[in-house]
Amino acid sequence: MGTTARALWSQIHPVFMTPPLAASLFGAILAGTVAPLLAAVHVVAMFAAVYTAHVKDGYVDFYVRGEDDEHPLTERGCQLALGLSTATVALCCIALAMLVNAVAVALVAPTWVIAYHHAPQLDTNPVTATSGYPLGIALSLLGGYYVQATTISPVALAFAVVFLVLLSGIKVIDDTQDYAYDRSIEKRTVAVAVGPDRAYDVAYGLMAVALVAVIGLAIGQLFPVTALLAALAFAAVAVIARRAGPELATMLLIRGSYVFLAVLVAAVQFEPLAGFV
């Protein structure tokens, strides 16, 4: 049992697991009043959806494509893990249908669809290979907001779009790490489609668009003015990452997105500059 538990636990990757869960809680904070039970159900659903993606991706890379040298789960273990995570998402959807409404379920169910079909379907097209994970996070934010407020406000939608664009840029950088191998198996990431150098331009262009959007929305007073600090903090990380290789750049940018999110949470929850503007 201990070996099985460790094998199942191995599919939890904190670096990529944290943003969707944080986005769900950020959505709840945006809504104003947080009902702990609803927030917990939605977070568990997001956890199970991302866990599904990790297991399915590992299964495809090792047992289907032969890309990885080893995998901690047997083929049957992968099927068991997928069954457990899928059942968890389903139970959370039933709970949300009873506690909230069908729209809450409609915002959760696509995250599992994206997770389950990321490999080997969605990761063979430059657009879906890039946008799958960021779209899941955007839906996590919107779902976290909706289960609390039972509506989608312009500010919640704007935040979701910003995260979609920003994280898509980071995902392009992440994919350049596997450029040579992806090209050899005809896996169509942005780096394979346009080349690593142009992929970098696309990636930082997307991140720049997201940061400019934050600035514009803060000036237009849809976002708190403190959100400008979030854009500035991430921009500083991006400047450093621009000179690094794909692996280090990805690590820096992912952690930069944590800082970006943390400052946004503080901006929305506390509005520290509200008395000065």
C-alpha atoms as a PDB file:
ATOM      1  CA  MET A   1       0.000   0.000   0.000  1.00  0.00           C
ATOM      2  CA  GLY A   2       2.881   2.341   0.790  1.00  0.00           C
ATOM      3  CA  THR A   3       4.425   1.747  -2.626  1.00  0.00           C
ATOM      4  CA  THR A   4       1.062   2.344  -4.338  1.00  0.00           C
ATOM      5  CA  ALA A   5       0.500   5.551  -2.383  1.00  0.00           C
ATOM      6  CA  ARG A   6       3.965   6.840  -3.312  1.00  0.00           C
ATOM      7  CA  ALA A   7       3.367   6.009  -6.972  1.00  0.00           C
ATOM      8  CA  LEU A   8       0.045   7.880  -6.965  1.00  0.00           C
ATOM      9  CA  TRP A   9       1.620  10.779  -5.070  1.00  0.00           C
ATOM     10  CA  SER A  10       4.372  10.998  -7.695  1.00  0.00           C
ATOM     11  CA  GLN A  11       1.852  12.398 -10.177  1.00  0.00           C
ATOM     12  CA  ILE A  12       1.335  15.523  -8.081  1.00  0.00           C
ATOM     13  CA  HIS A  13       3.656  18.153  -9.547  1.00  0.00           C
ATOM     14  CA  PRO A  14       3.444  21.234  -7.286  1.00  0.00           C
ATOM     15  CA  VAL A  15       4.979  23.677  -9.777  1.00  0.00           C
ATOM     16  CA  PHE A  16       2.146  23.107 -12.273  1.00  0.00           C
ATOM     17  CA  MET A  17      -0.507  22.145  -9.711  1.00  0.00           C
ATOM     18  CA  THR A  18      -0.339  25.360  -7.678  1.00  0.00           C
ATOM     19  CA  PRO A  19      -1.515  27.940 -10.274  1.00  0.00           C
ATOM     20  CA  PRO A  20      -4.908  26.311 -11.043  1.00  0.00           C
ATOM     21  CA  LEU A  21      -5.683  25.909  -7.330  1.00  0.00           C
ATOM     22  CA  ALA A  22      -4.547  29.457  -6.590  1.00  0.00           C
ATOM     23  CA  ALA A  23      -6.629  30.742  -9.503  1.00  0.00           C
ATOM     24  CA  SER A  24      -9.723  29.061  -8.051  1.00  0.00           C
ATOM     25  CA  LEU A  25      -9.160  30.758  -4.690  1.00  0.00           C
ATOM     26  CA  PHE A  26      -8.363  34.055  -6.419  1.00  0.00           C
ATOM     27  CA  GLY A  27     -11.705  33.841  -8.202  1.00  0.00           C
ATOM     28  CA  ALA A  28     -13.427  33.298  -4.857  1.00  0.00           C
ATOM     29  CA  ILE A  29     -11.652  36.342  -3.387  1.00  0.00           C
ATOM     30  CA  LEU A  30     -12.712  38.431  -6.396  1.00  0.00           C
ATOM     31  CA  ALA A  31     -16.332  37.530  -5.639  1.00  0.00           C
ATOM     32  CA  GLY A  32     -16.068  39.317  -2.299  1.00  0.00           C
ATOM     33  CA  THR A  33     -17.714  36.909   0.113  1.00  0.00           C
ATOM     34  CA  VAL A  34     -16.150  33.443   0.308  1.00  0.00           C
ATOM     35  CA  ALA A  35     -18.271  30.431   1.280  1.00  0.00           C
ATOM     36  CA  PRO A  36     -15.625  27.924   2.478  1.00  0.00           C
ATOM     37  CA  LEU A  37     -17.560  24.797   1.443  1.00  0.00           C
ATOM     38  CA  LEU A  38     -18.124  25.997  -2.115  1.00  0.00           C
ATOM     39  CA  ALA A  39     -14.507  27.138  -2.405  1.00  0.00           C
ATOM     40  CA  ALA A  40     -13.265  23.765  -1.124  1.00  0.00           C
ATOM     41  CA  VAL A  41     -15.413  21.754  -3.546  1.00  0.00           C
ATOM     42  CA  HIS A  42     -14.195  23.810  -6.480  1.00  0.00           C
ATOM     43  CA  VAL A  43     -10.539  23.565  -5.429  1.00  0.00           C
ATOM     44  CA  VAL A  44     -10.832  19.769  -5.100  1.00  0.00           C
ATOM     45  CA  ALA A  45     -12.369  19.615  -8.585  1.00  0.00           C
ATOM     46  CA  MET A  46      -9.471  21.641 -10.021  1.00  0.00           C
ATOM     47  CA  PHE A  47      -6.948  19.460  -8.213  1.00  0.00           C
ATOM     48  CA  ALA A  48      -8.527  16.310  -9.644  1.00  0.00           C
ATOM     49  CA  ALA A  49      -8.637  17.790 -13.149  1.00  0.00           C
ATOM     50  CA  VAL A  50      -4.941  18.747 -13.104  1.00  0.00           C
ATOM     51  CA  TYR A  51      -4.063  15.365 -11.591  1.00  0.00           C
ATOM     52  CA  THR A  52      -5.879  13.762 -14.526  1.00  0.00           C
ATOM     53  CA  ALA A  53      -3.684  15.722 -16.930  1.00  0.00           C
ATOM     54  CA  HIS A  54      -0.487  14.670 -15.158  1.00  0.00           C
ATOM     55  CA  VAL A  55      -1.405  10.977 -15.121  1.00  0.00           C
ATOM     56  CA  LYS A  56      -2.640  10.908 -18.711  1.00  0.00           C
ATOM     57  CA  ASP A  57       0.395  12.824 -19.961  1.00  0.00           C
ATOM     58  CA  GLY A  58       2.777  10.439 -18.185  1.00  0.00           C
ATOM     59  CA  TYR A  59       0.871   7.422 -19.457  1.00  0.00           C
ATOM     60  CA  VAL A  60       0.987   8.607 -23.062  1.00  0.00           C
ATOM     61  CA  ASP A  61       4.656   9.649 -22.894  1.00  0.00           C
ATOM     62  CA  PHE A  62       5.775   6.278 -21.496  1.00  0.00           C
ATOM     63  CA  TYR A  63       3.314   3.614 -22.628  1.00  0.00           C
ATOM     64  CA  VAL A  64       2.169   5.095 -25.944  1.00  0.00           C
ATOM     65  CA  ARG A  65       4.969   7.257 -27.329  1.00  0.00           C
ATOM     66  CA  GLY A  66       7.904   5.666 -25.525  1.00  0.00           C
ATOM     67  CA  GLU A  67       9.208   9.182 -24.837  1.00  0.00           C
ATOM     68  CA  ASP A  68      10.169   8.679 -21.166  1.00  0.00           C
ATOM     69  CA  ASP A  69      12.739   6.186 -19.858  1.00  0.00           C
ATOM     70  CA  GLU A  70      10.659   5.194 -16.817  1.00  0.00           C
ATOM     71  CA  HIS A  71       7.331   5.799 -15.120  1.00  0.00           C
ATOM     72  CA  PRO A  72       6.393   5.226 -11.459  1.00  0.00           C
ATOM     73  CA  LEU A  73       2.916   3.878 -12.290  1.00  0.00           C
ATOM     74  CA  THR A  74       2.138   0.624 -14.070  1.00  0.00           C
ATOM     75  CA  GLU A  75      -0.300   0.748 -16.959  1.00  0.00           C
ATOM     76  CA  ARG A  76      -3.030  -0.573 -14.653  1.00  0.00           C
ATOM     77  CA  GLY A  77      -1.969   1.965 -12.029  1.00  0.00           C
ATOM     78  CA  CYS A  78      -2.455   4.762 -14.541  1.00  0.00           C
ATOM     79  CA  GLN A  79      -5.958   3.507 -15.299  1.00  0.00           C
ATOM     80  CA  LEU A  80      -6.749   3.342 -11.589  1.00  0.00           C
ATOM     81  CA  ALA A  81      -5.448   6.881 -10.998  1.00  0.00           C
ATOM     82  CA  LEU A  82      -7.422   8.199 -13.974  1.00  0.00           C
ATOM     83  CA  GLY A  83     -10.552   6.481 -12.674  1.00  0.00           C
ATOM     84  CA  LEU A  84     -10.125   7.981  -9.207  1.00  0.00           C
ATOM     85  CA  SER A  85      -9.452  11.505 -10.476  1.00  0.00           C
ATOM     86  CA  THR A  86     -12.323  11.364 -12.955  1.00  0.00           C
ATOM     87  CA  ALA A  87     -14.705  10.103 -10.267  1.00  0.00           C
ATOM     88  CA  THR A  88     -13.578  12.948  -8.002  1.00  0.00           C
ATOM     89  CA  VAL A  89     -14.338  15.548 -10.674  1.00  0.00           C
ATOM     90  CA  ALA A  90     -17.731  13.919 -11.270  1.00  0.00           C
ATOM     91  CA  LEU A  91     -18.599  13.967  -7.562  1.00  0.00           C
ATOM     92  CA  CYS A  92     -17.570  17.610  -7.306  1.00  0.00           C
ATOM     93  CA  CYS A  93     -19.764  18.425 -10.315  1.00  0.00           C
ATOM     94  CA  ILE A  94     -22.727  16.708  -8.664  1.00  0.00           C
ATOM     95  CA  ALA A  95     -22.078  18.658  -5.465  1.00  0.00           C
ATOM     96  CA  LEU A  96     -21.838  21.955  -7.353  1.00  0.00           C
ATOM     97  CA  ALA A  97     -25.028  21.182  -9.262  1.00  0.00           C
ATOM     98  CA  MET A  98     -26.825  20.724  -5.946  1.00  0.00           C
ATOM     99  CA  LEU A  99     -25.173  23.603  -4.075  1.00  0.00           C
ATOM    100  CA  VAL A 100     -24.961  26.146  -6.916  1.00  0.00           C
ATOM    101  CA  ASN A 101     -26.398  25.390 -10.379  1.00  0.00           C
ATOM    102  CA  ALA A 102     -25.655  23.872 -13.776  1.00  0.00           C
ATOM    103  CA  VAL A 103     -23.529  26.837 -14.899  1.00  0.00           C
ATOM    104  CA  ALA A 104     -21.002  26.045 -12.155  1.00  0.00           C
ATOM    105  CA  VAL A 105     -20.772  22.513 -13.543  1.00  0.00           C
ATOM    106  CA  ALA A 106     -20.376  23.886 -17.079  1.00  0.00           C
ATOM    107  CA  LEU A 107     -17.328  25.840 -15.923  1.00  0.00           C
ATOM    108  CA  VAL A 108     -15.760  22.802 -14.225  1.00  0.00           C
ATOM    109  CA  ALA A 109     -16.402  19.990 -16.715  1.00  0.00           C
ATOM    110  CA  PRO A 110     -14.304  21.505 -19.565  1.00  0.00           C
ATOM    111  CA  THR A 111     -11.221  21.541 -17.318  1.00  0.00           C
ATOM    112  CA  TRP A 112     -11.388  17.741 -17.115  1.00  0.00           C
ATOM    113  CA  VAL A 113     -11.965  17.484 -20.878  1.00  0.00           C
ATOM    114  CA  ILE A 114      -8.874  19.621 -21.537  1.00  0.00           C
ATOM    115  CA  ALA A 115      -6.860  17.624 -18.996  1.00  0.00           C
ATOM    116  CA  TYR A 116      -7.810  14.194 -20.295  1.00  0.00           C
ATOM    117  CA  HIS A 117      -7.359  15.053 -23.974  1.00  0.00           C
ATOM    118  CA  HIS A 118      -4.204  17.163 -23.664  1.00  0.00           C
ATOM    119  CA  ALA A 119      -2.177  14.084 -24.640  1.00  0.00           C
ATOM    120  CA  PRO A 120      -2.191  12.791 -27.291  1.00  0.00           C
ATOM    121  CA  GLN A 121      -4.881  14.920 -28.943  1.00  0.00           C
ATOM    122  CA  LEU A 122      -4.482  18.581 -28.004  1.00  0.00           C
ATOM    123  CA  ASP A 123      -0.689  18.612 -27.748  1.00  0.00           C
ATOM    124  CA  THR A 124      -0.249  17.927 -31.469  1.00  0.00           C
ATOM    125  CA  ASN A 125      -1.527  21.359 -32.561  1.00  0.00           C
ATOM    126  CA  PRO A 126       0.376  24.597 -31.833  1.00  0.00           C
ATOM    127  CA  VAL A 127      -2.704  26.477 -30.607  1.00  0.00           C
ATOM    128  CA  THR A 128      -4.188  23.794 -28.371  1.00  0.00           C
ATOM    129  CA  ALA A 129      -0.781  22.567 -27.165  1.00  0.00           C
ATOM    130  CA  THR A 130      -0.065  26.094 -25.983  1.00  0.00           C
ATOM    131  CA  SER A 131      -3.438  27.213 -24.685  1.00  0.00           C
ATOM    132  CA  GLY A 132      -4.729  24.054 -22.963  1.00  0.00           C
ATOM    133  CA  TYR A 133      -3.104  24.605 -19.554  1.00  0.00           C
ATOM    134  CA  PRO A 134      -3.668  28.408 -19.527  1.00  0.00           C
ATOM    135  CA  LEU A 135      -7.302  27.924 -20.569  1.00  0.00           C
ATOM    136  CA  GLY A 136      -7.769  25.497 -17.694  1.00  0.00           C
ATOM    137  CA  ILE A 137      -6.445  28.132 -15.284  1.00  0.00           C
ATOM    138  CA  ALA A 138      -8.712  30.796 -16.776  1.00  0.00           C
ATOM    139  CA  LEU A 139     -11.694  28.479 -16.320  1.00  0.00           C
ATOM    140  CA  SER A 140     -10.539  27.746 -12.770  1.00  0.00           C
ATOM    141  CA  LEU A 141     -10.595  31.456 -11.970  1.00  0.00           C
ATOM    142  CA  LEU A 142     -14.013  31.952 -13.553  1.00  0.00           C
ATOM    143  CA  GLY A 143     -15.402  28.852 -11.837  1.00  0.00           C
ATOM    144  CA  GLY A 144     -14.012  29.898  -8.468  1.00  0.00           C
ATOM    145  CA  TYR A 145     -15.708  33.253  -8.926  1.00  0.00           C
ATOM    146  CA  TYR A 146     -18.994  31.868 -10.195  1.00  0.00           C
ATOM    147  CA  VAL A 147     -19.595  29.349  -7.411  1.00  0.00           C
ATOM    148  CA  GLN A 148     -19.458  32.267  -4.974  1.00  0.00           C
ATOM    149  CA  ALA A 149     -21.283  34.986  -6.927  1.00  0.00           C
ATOM    150  CA  THR A 150     -23.439  32.926  -9.367  1.00  0.00           C
ATOM    151  CA  THR A 151     -22.548  35.415 -12.088  1.00  0.00           C
ATOM    152  CA  ILE A 152     -19.536  36.393 -14.201  1.00  0.00           C
ATOM    153  CA  SER A 153     -18.493  40.012 -13.779  1.00  0.00           C
ATOM    154  CA  PRO A 154     -16.424  42.016 -16.317  1.00  0.00           C
ATOM    155  CA  VAL A 155     -13.497  42.179 -13.877  1.00  0.00           C
ATOM    156  CA  ALA A 156     -13.454  38.378 -13.405  1.00  0.00           C
ATOM    157  CA  LEU A 157     -13.599  37.830 -17.155  1.00  0.00           C
ATOM    158  CA  ALA A 158     -10.811  40.377 -17.697  1.00  0.00           C
ATOM    159  CA  PHE A 159      -8.568  38.661 -15.156  1.00  0.00           C
ATOM    160  CA  ALA A 160      -9.230  35.288 -16.797  1.00  0.00           C
ATOM    161  CA  VAL A 161      -8.243  36.624 -20.232  1.00  0.00           C
ATOM    162  CA  VAL A 162      -5.078  38.204 -18.823  1.00  0.00           C
ATOM    163  CA  PHE A 163      -4.028  34.904 -17.260  1.00  0.00           C
ATOM    164  CA  LEU A 164      -4.856  33.022 -20.464  1.00  0.00           C
ATOM    165  CA  VAL A 165      -2.572  35.256 -22.537  1.00  0.00           C
ATOM    166  CA  LEU A 166       0.222  35.549 -19.963  1.00  0.00           C
ATOM    167  CA  LEU A 167       0.423  31.823 -19.241  1.00  0.00           C
ATOM    168  CA  SER A 168       0.210  30.977 -22.947  1.00  0.00           C
ATOM    169  CA  GLY A 169       3.435  32.926 -23.360  1.00  0.00           C
ATOM    170  CA  ILE A 170       5.078  30.956 -20.554  1.00  0.00           C
ATOM    171  CA  LYS A 171       3.848  27.687 -22.073  1.00  0.00           C
ATOM    172  CA  VAL A 172       5.502  28.535 -25.390  1.00  0.00           C
ATOM    173  CA  ILE A 173       8.830  28.969 -23.560  1.00  0.00           C
ATOM    174  CA  ASP A 174       8.287  25.696 -21.692  1.00  0.00           C
ATOM    175  CA  ASP A 175       7.678  23.823 -24.944  1.00  0.00           C
ATOM    176  CA  THR A 176      10.942  25.030 -26.477  1.00  0.00           C
ATOM    177  CA  GLN A 177      12.793  22.788 -23.998  1.00  0.00           C
ATOM    178  CA  ASP A 178      11.626  19.735 -25.967  1.00  0.00           C
ATOM    179  CA  TYR A 179      11.981  21.266 -29.427  1.00  0.00           C
ATOM    180  CA  ALA A 180      14.300  18.603 -30.874  1.00  0.00           C
ATOM    181  CA  TYR A 181      12.331  15.636 -29.590  1.00  0.00           C
ATOM    182  CA  ASP A 182       8.929  17.149 -30.378  1.00  0.00           C
ATOM    183  CA  ARG A 183      10.087  17.779 -33.913  1.00  0.00           C
ATOM    184  CA  SER A 184      11.296  14.176 -34.249  1.00  0.00           C
ATOM    185  CA  ILE A 185       7.856  12.787 -33.351  1.00  0.00           C
ATOM    186  CA  GLU A 186       5.974  15.480 -35.311  1.00  0.00           C
ATOM    187  CA  LYS A 187       4.510  17.008 -32.169  1.00  0.00           C
ATOM    188  CA  ARG A 188       3.382  20.465 -33.307  1.00  0.00           C
ATOM    189  CA  THR A 189       4.241  22.962 -30.605  1.00  0.00           C
ATOM    190  CA  VAL A 190       4.812  26.630 -31.442  1.00  0.00           C
ATOM    191  CA  ALA A 191       8.576  26.041 -31.335  1.00  0.00           C
ATOM    192  CA  VAL A 192       8.266  23.237 -33.893  1.00  0.00           C
ATOM    193  CA  ALA A 193       5.908  25.257 -36.075  1.00  0.00           C
ATOM    194  CA  VAL A 194       7.936  28.491 -36.275  1.00  0.00           C
ATOM    195  CA  GLY A 195      11.356  27.596 -34.825  1.00  0.00           C
ATOM    196  CA  PRO A 196      12.788  28.270 -31.346  1.00  0.00           C
ATOM    197  CA  ASP A 197      13.920  31.853 -32.032  1.00  0.00           C
ATOM    198  CA  ARG A 198      10.569  33.013 -33.348  1.00  0.00           C
ATOM    199  CA  ALA A 199       8.829  31.044 -30.601  1.00  0.00           C
ATOM    200  CA  TYR A 200      10.655  33.225 -28.067  1.00  0.00           C
ATOM    201  CA  ASP A 201       9.373  36.310 -29.873  1.00  0.00           C
ATOM    202  CA  VAL A 202       5.828  34.925 -29.829  1.00  0.00           C
ATOM    203  CA  ALA A 203       6.103  34.034 -26.129  1.00  0.00           C
ATOM    204  CA  TYR A 204       7.366  37.395 -24.938  1.00  0.00           C
ATOM    205  CA  GLY A 205       4.940  39.144 -27.256  1.00  0.00           C
ATOM    206  CA  LEU A 206       2.037  37.352 -25.560  1.00  0.00           C
ATOM    207  CA  MET A 207       3.364  38.214 -22.111  1.00  0.00           C
ATOM    208  CA  ALA A 208       3.808  41.849 -23.126  1.00  0.00           C
ATOM    209  CA  VAL A 209       0.226  42.001 -24.383  1.00  0.00           C
ATOM    210  CA  ALA A 210      -1.019  40.632 -21.051  1.00  0.00           C
ATOM    211  CA  LEU A 211       0.989  43.162 -19.031  1.00  0.00           C
ATOM    212  CA  VAL A 212      -0.095  46.068 -21.227  1.00  0.00           C
ATOM    213  CA  ALA A 213      -3.695  44.905 -20.757  1.00  0.00           C
ATOM    214  CA  VAL A 214      -3.243  44.980 -16.966  1.00  0.00           C
ATOM    215  CA  ILE A 215      -1.883  48.516 -17.180  1.00  0.00           C
ATOM    216  CA  GLY A 216      -4.745  49.628 -19.411  1.00  0.00           C
ATOM    217  CA  LEU A 217      -7.393  48.016 -17.203  1.00  0.00           C
ATOM    218  CA  ALA A 218      -5.845  49.595 -14.091  1.00  0.00           C
ATOM    219  CA  ILE A 219      -5.811  53.015 -15.731  1.00  0.00           C
ATOM    220  CA  GLY A 220      -9.404  52.433 -16.796  1.00  0.00           C
ATOM    221  CA  GLN A 221     -10.187  51.543 -13.153  1.00  0.00           C
ATOM    222  CA  LEU A 222     -11.568  48.090 -13.923  1.00  0.00           C
ATOM    223  CA  PHE A 223      -8.573  46.663 -12.012  1.00  0.00           C
ATOM    224  CA  PRO A 224      -7.307  48.163  -8.736  1.00  0.00           C
ATOM    225  CA  VAL A 225      -4.434  50.564  -9.369  1.00  0.00           C
ATOM    226  CA  THR A 226      -2.220  48.297  -7.248  1.00  0.00           C
ATOM    227  CA  ALA A 227      -2.414  45.783 -10.103  1.00  0.00           C
ATOM    228  CA  LEU A 228       0.251  47.931 -11.772  1.00  0.00           C
ATOM    229  CA  LEU A 229       2.696  46.582  -9.202  1.00  0.00           C
ATOM    230  CA  ALA A 230       1.873  43.033 -10.328  1.00  0.00           C
ATOM    231  CA  ALA A 231       2.656  43.944 -13.928  1.00  0.00           C
ATOM    232  CA  LEU A 232       5.905  45.614 -12.870  1.00  0.00           C
ATOM    233  CA  ALA A 233       6.992  42.619 -10.754  1.00  0.00           C
ATOM    234  CA  PHE A 234       6.362  40.123 -13.547  1.00  0.00           C
ATOM    235  CA  ALA A 235       8.020  42.377 -16.125  1.00  0.00           C
ATOM    236  CA  ALA A 236      11.186  42.407 -13.998  1.00  0.00           C
ATOM    237  CA  VAL A 237      11.223  38.591 -13.918  1.00  0.00           C
ATOM    238  CA  ALA A 238      10.555  38.411 -17.675  1.00  0.00           C
ATOM    239  CA  VAL A 239      13.524  40.693 -18.422  1.00  0.00           C
ATOM    240  CA  ILE A 240      15.826  38.349 -16.497  1.00  0.00           C
ATOM    241  CA  ALA A 241      14.277  35.231 -18.035  1.00  0.00           C
ATOM    242  CA  ARG A 242      14.717  36.622 -21.563  1.00  0.00           C
ATOM    243  CA  ARG A 243      18.473  36.073 -21.263  1.00  0.00           C
ATOM    244  CA  ALA A 244      18.190  32.527 -19.873  1.00  0.00           C
ATOM    245  CA  GLY A 245      17.791  29.159 -21.582  1.00  0.00           C
ATOM    246  CA  PRO A 246      14.360  27.525 -21.919  1.00  0.00           C
ATOM    247  CA  GLU A 247      14.586  25.447 -18.721  1.00  0.00           C
ATOM    248  CA  LEU A 248      15.718  28.271 -16.442  1.00  0.00           C
ATOM    249  CA  ALA A 249      13.412  30.756 -18.166  1.00  0.00           C
ATOM    250  CA  THR A 250      10.420  28.481 -17.578  1.00  0.00           C
ATOM    251  CA  MET A 251      11.318  28.086 -13.913  1.00  0.00           C
ATOM    252  CA  LEU A 252      11.691  31.846 -13.476  1.00  0.00           C
ATOM    253  CA  LEU A 253       8.513  32.713 -15.362  1.00  0.00           C
ATOM    254  CA  ILE A 254       6.356  30.139 -13.549  1.00  0.00           C
ATOM    255  CA  ARG A 255       7.538  31.503 -10.217  1.00  0.00           C
ATOM    256  CA  GLY A 256       7.088  35.016 -11.566  1.00  0.00           C
ATOM    257  CA  SER A 257       3.467  34.134 -12.258  1.00  0.00           C
ATOM    258  CA  TYR A 258       3.136  33.192  -8.565  1.00  0.00           C
ATOM    259  CA  VAL A 259       4.338  36.680  -7.628  1.00  0.00           C
ATOM    260  CA  PHE A 260       2.014  38.200 -10.237  1.00  0.00           C
ATOM    261  CA  LEU A 261      -0.951  36.343  -8.769  1.00  0.00           C
ATOM    262  CA  ALA A 262       0.032  37.120  -5.168  1.00  0.00           C
ATOM    263  CA  VAL A 263       0.236  40.868  -5.842  1.00  0.00           C
ATOM    264  CA  LEU A 264      -3.102  40.755  -7.662  1.00  0.00           C
ATOM    265  CA  VAL A 265      -4.698  38.980  -4.695  1.00  0.00           C
ATOM    266  CA  ALA A 266      -3.366  41.680  -2.374  1.00  0.00           C
ATOM    267  CA  ALA A 267      -4.537  44.388  -4.772  1.00  0.00           C
ATOM    268  CA  VAL A 268      -8.072  43.040  -4.951  1.00  0.00           C
ATOM    269  CA  GLN A 269      -8.440  42.002  -1.317  1.00  0.00           C
ATOM    270  CA  PHE A 270      -6.852  44.972   0.416  1.00  0.00           C
ATOM    271  CA  GLU A 271      -6.608  47.751  -2.215  1.00  0.00           C
ATOM    272  CA  PRO A 272      -3.673  49.325  -0.336  1.00  0.00           C
ATOM    273  CA  LEU A 273      -3.568  52.417  -2.551  1.00  0.00           C
ATOM    274  CA  ALA A 274      -7.324  53.026  -2.532  1.00  0.00           C
ATOM    275  CA  GLY A 275      -6.991  56.027  -0.208  1.00  0.00           C
ATOM    276  CA  PHE A 276      -4.479  57.772  -2.452  1.00  0.00           C
ATOM    277  CA  VAL A 277      -6.283  57.594  -5.819  1.00  0.00           C
END
